[in-house]
């Protein structure tokens, strides 16, 4: 019964997300190119119907960020990467690779959104 409730709620969440899609911020072509050049160092591990993951995706849309998304429910390799690297069975998770190659795993939707806004809102 709980699985059915989660399934229905997940579909409702996805429907509402599509209906009320946020407007992407506009940058000059040059500024957007600078932002886009930084995005390969970021990756989001998620579940499509998780409300917290939807919250992060909506923030990405508002900030006009096309970060790679990895659905841990449908991609066993993504789940394995999350568990080996981040060591927590929790989504959303933002993997950040620094210019020096150091990997940081950031959990909690509010912290992920704060990081993205700090890094990309001014650009």
C-alpha atoms as a PDB file:
ATOM      1  CA  UNK A   1       0.000   0.000   0.000  1.00  0.00           C
ATOM      2  CA  UNK A   2       2.815   2.419   0.878  1.00  0.00           C
ATOM      3  CA  UNK A   3       4.467   1.747  -2.482  1.00  0.00           C
ATOM      4  CA  UNK A   4       1.255   2.716  -4.257  1.00  0.00           C
ATOM      5  CA  UNK A   5       0.966   5.942  -2.254  1.00  0.00           C
ATOM      6  CA  UNK A   6       4.580   6.869  -3.047  1.00  0.00           C
ATOM      7  CA  UNK A   7       4.020   6.082  -6.724  1.00  0.00           C
ATOM      8  CA  UNK A   8       0.906   8.273  -6.937  1.00  0.00           C
ATOM      9  CA  UNK A   9       2.467  11.125  -4.959  1.00  0.00           C
ATOM     10  CA  UNK A  10       5.582  10.931  -7.140  1.00  0.00           C
ATOM     11  CA  UNK A  11       3.495  11.285 -10.291  1.00  0.00           C
ATOM     12  CA  UNK A  12       1.616  14.248  -8.782  1.00  0.00           C
ATOM     13  CA  UNK A  13       4.915  15.928  -7.840  1.00  0.00           C
ATOM     14  CA  UNK A  14       6.292  15.469 -11.372  1.00  0.00           C
ATOM     15  CA  UNK A  15       3.061  16.762 -12.922  1.00  0.00           C
ATOM     16  CA  UNK A  16       3.028  19.884 -10.743  1.00  0.00           C
ATOM     17  CA  UNK A  17       6.723  20.456 -11.435  1.00  0.00           C
ATOM     18  CA  UNK A  18       6.015  20.426 -15.179  1.00  0.00           C
ATOM     19  CA  UNK A  19       2.994  22.700 -14.893  1.00  0.00           C
ATOM     20  CA  UNK A  20       4.747  25.255 -12.695  1.00  0.00           C
ATOM     21  CA  UNK A  21       8.219  25.200 -14.228  1.00  0.00           C
ATOM     22  CA  UNK A  22      10.385  28.104 -13.030  1.00  0.00           C
ATOM     23  CA  UNK A  23      11.729  30.650 -15.489  1.00  0.00           C
ATOM     24  CA  UNK A  24      15.448  30.367 -16.185  1.00  0.00           C
ATOM     25  CA  UNK A  25      17.587  33.405 -15.520  1.00  0.00           C
ATOM     26  CA  UNK A  26      19.154  35.003 -18.577  1.00  0.00           C
ATOM     27  CA  UNK A  27      22.857  35.644 -18.960  1.00  0.00           C
ATOM     28  CA  UNK A  28      24.848  37.031 -21.847  1.00  0.00           C
ATOM     29  CA  UNK A  29      26.167  34.344 -24.177  1.00  0.00           C
ATOM     30  CA  UNK A  30      29.676  34.944 -22.853  1.00  0.00           C
ATOM     31  CA  UNK A  31      28.608  34.660 -19.194  1.00  0.00           C
ATOM     32  CA  UNK A  32      26.557  31.532 -19.913  1.00  0.00           C
ATOM     33  CA  UNK A  33      29.565  29.974 -21.656  1.00  0.00           C
ATOM     34  CA  UNK A  34      31.673  30.630 -18.535  1.00  0.00           C
ATOM     35  CA  UNK A  35      29.028  28.997 -16.347  1.00  0.00           C
ATOM     36  CA  UNK A  36      28.631  26.038 -18.721  1.00  0.00           C
ATOM     37  CA  UNK A  37      32.411  25.479 -18.696  1.00  0.00           C
ATOM     38  CA  UNK A  38      32.289  24.915 -14.917  1.00  0.00           C
ATOM     39  CA  UNK A  39      29.364  22.473 -14.942  1.00  0.00           C
ATOM     40  CA  UNK A  40      31.228  19.271 -15.927  1.00  0.00           C
ATOM     41  CA  UNK A  41      32.816  19.306 -12.458  1.00  0.00           C
ATOM     42  CA  UNK A  42      29.345  18.906 -10.894  1.00  0.00           C
ATOM     43  CA  UNK A  43      26.950  15.966 -10.804  1.00  0.00           C
ATOM     44  CA  UNK A  44      23.638  15.455  -9.023  1.00  0.00           C
ATOM     45  CA  UNK A  45      22.608  12.027  -7.751  1.00  0.00           C
ATOM     46  CA  UNK A  46      18.840  11.902  -7.411  1.00  0.00           C
ATOM     47  CA  UNK A  47      15.526  10.098  -7.527  1.00  0.00           C
ATOM     48  CA  UNK A  48      13.099  11.530 -10.101  1.00  0.00           C
ATOM     49  CA  UNK A  49      10.105  11.677  -7.744  1.00  0.00           C
ATOM     50  CA  UNK A  50      11.897  12.724  -4.547  1.00  0.00           C
ATOM     51  CA  UNK A  51      10.460  16.108  -3.462  1.00  0.00           C
ATOM     52  CA  UNK A  52      13.880  17.313  -2.290  1.00  0.00           C
ATOM     53  CA  UNK A  53      15.427  16.352  -5.626  1.00  0.00           C
ATOM     54  CA  UNK A  54      12.638  18.239  -7.418  1.00  0.00           C
ATOM     55  CA  UNK A  55      13.485  21.260  -5.243  1.00  0.00           C
ATOM     56  CA  UNK A  56      17.135  21.080  -6.390  1.00  0.00           C
ATOM     57  CA  UNK A  57      16.168  20.598 -10.058  1.00  0.00           C
ATOM     58  CA  UNK A  58      13.854  23.629  -9.863  1.00  0.00           C
ATOM     59  CA  UNK A  59      16.728  25.695  -8.466  1.00  0.00           C
ATOM     60  CA  UNK A  60      18.976  24.459 -11.271  1.00  0.00           C
ATOM     61  CA  UNK A  61      16.320  25.527 -13.788  1.00  0.00           C
ATOM     62  CA  UNK A  62      16.014  28.991 -12.196  1.00  0.00           C
ATOM     63  CA  UNK A  63      19.802  29.401 -12.265  1.00  0.00           C
ATOM     64  CA  UNK A  64      19.978  28.076 -15.861  1.00  0.00           C
ATOM     65  CA  UNK A  65      22.368  25.252 -14.925  1.00  0.00           C
ATOM     66  CA  UNK A  66      22.515  22.069 -16.960  1.00  0.00           C
ATOM     67  CA  UNK A  67      24.199  19.820 -14.418  1.00  0.00           C
ATOM     68  CA  UNK A  68      24.390  16.103 -15.174  1.00  0.00           C
ATOM     69  CA  UNK A  69      21.720  14.171 -13.278  1.00  0.00           C
ATOM     70  CA  UNK A  70      22.158  10.534 -12.228  1.00  0.00           C
ATOM     71  CA  UNK A  71      19.007   8.652 -11.179  1.00  0.00           C
ATOM     72  CA  UNK A  72      20.153   6.167  -8.546  1.00  0.00           C
ATOM     73  CA  UNK A  73      16.934   4.126  -8.835  1.00  0.00           C
ATOM     74  CA  UNK A  74      17.398   3.370 -12.540  1.00  0.00           C
ATOM     75  CA  UNK A  75      21.184   3.395 -12.833  1.00  0.00           C
ATOM     76  CA  UNK A  76      22.994   0.814 -10.665  1.00  0.00           C
ATOM     77  CA  UNK A  77      26.378   2.352 -11.507  1.00  0.00           C
ATOM     78  CA  UNK A  78      25.181   5.741 -10.238  1.00  0.00           C
ATOM     79  CA  UNK A  79      24.021   4.166  -6.980  1.00  0.00           C
ATOM     80  CA  UNK A  80      27.361   2.376  -6.621  1.00  0.00           C
ATOM     81  CA  UNK A  81      29.261   5.649  -7.221  1.00  0.00           C
ATOM     82  CA  UNK A  82      27.109   7.389  -4.610  1.00  0.00           C
ATOM     83  CA  UNK A  83      27.739   4.690  -2.014  1.00  0.00           C
ATOM     84  CA  UNK A  84      31.474   4.371  -2.709  1.00  0.00           C
ATOM     85  CA  UNK A  85      32.151   8.097  -2.935  1.00  0.00           C
ATOM     86  CA  UNK A  86      29.601   9.786  -0.736  1.00  0.00           C
ATOM     87  CA  UNK A  87      29.128   6.841   1.623  1.00  0.00           C
ATOM     88  CA  UNK A  88      25.481   7.785   2.277  1.00  0.00           C
ATOM     89  CA  UNK A  89      22.316   6.277   0.842  1.00  0.00           C
ATOM     90  CA  UNK A  90      20.714   9.709   0.537  1.00  0.00           C
ATOM     91  CA  UNK A  91      19.599  11.947  -2.300  1.00  0.00           C
ATOM     92  CA  UNK A  92      19.867  14.576  -3.535  1.00  0.00           C
ATOM     93  CA  UNK A  93      23.627  14.605  -3.460  1.00  0.00           C
ATOM     94  CA  UNK A  94      25.899  17.008  -5.322  1.00  0.00           C
ATOM     95  CA  UNK A  95      29.339  15.709  -6.263  1.00  0.00           C
ATOM     96  CA  UNK A  96      31.811  18.551  -6.677  1.00  0.00           C
ATOM     97  CA  UNK A  97      35.237  17.974  -8.228  1.00  0.00           C
ATOM     98  CA  UNK A  98      37.626  20.855  -7.538  1.00  0.00           C
ATOM     99  CA  UNK A  99      40.223  22.064 -10.032  1.00  0.00           C
ATOM    100  CA  UNK A 100      42.800  20.139  -7.963  1.00  0.00           C
ATOM    101  CA  UNK A 101      40.766  16.939  -8.372  1.00  0.00           C
ATOM    102  CA  UNK A 102      39.485  16.811  -4.790  1.00  0.00           C
ATOM    103  CA  UNK A 103      35.951  15.380  -4.585  1.00  0.00           C
ATOM    104  CA  UNK A 104      33.364  16.751  -2.179  1.00  0.00           C
ATOM    105  CA  UNK A 105      29.922  15.187  -1.610  1.00  0.00           C
ATOM    106  CA  UNK A 106      27.247  17.655  -0.561  1.00  0.00           C
ATOM    107  CA  UNK A 107      23.941  16.391   0.824  1.00  0.00           C
ATOM    108  CA  UNK A 108      20.756  18.204   1.885  1.00  0.00           C
ATOM    109  CA  UNK A 109      18.767  20.063  -0.749  1.00  0.00           C
ATOM    110  CA  UNK A 110      19.018  23.435   1.022  1.00  0.00           C
ATOM    111  CA  UNK A 111      22.820  23.188   1.231  1.00  0.00           C
ATOM    112  CA  UNK A 112      23.050  22.168  -2.429  1.00  0.00           C
ATOM    113  CA  UNK A 113      20.871  25.105  -3.476  1.00  0.00           C
ATOM    114  CA  UNK A 114      22.888  27.500  -1.311  1.00  0.00           C
ATOM    115  CA  UNK A 115      26.121  26.240  -2.930  1.00  0.00           C
ATOM    116  CA  UNK A 116      24.691  26.656  -6.448  1.00  0.00           C
ATOM    117  CA  UNK A 117      23.382  30.147  -5.716  1.00  0.00           C
ATOM    118  CA  UNK A 118      26.699  31.190  -4.160  1.00  0.00           C
ATOM    119  CA  UNK A 119      28.667  29.873  -7.140  1.00  0.00           C
ATOM    120  CA  UNK A 120      26.400  30.843 -10.037  1.00  0.00           C
ATOM    121  CA  UNK A 121      23.880  33.525  -9.078  1.00  0.00           C
ATOM    122  CA  UNK A 122      26.233  36.445  -9.623  1.00  0.00           C
ATOM    123  CA  UNK A 123      27.376  35.133 -13.009  1.00  0.00           C
END
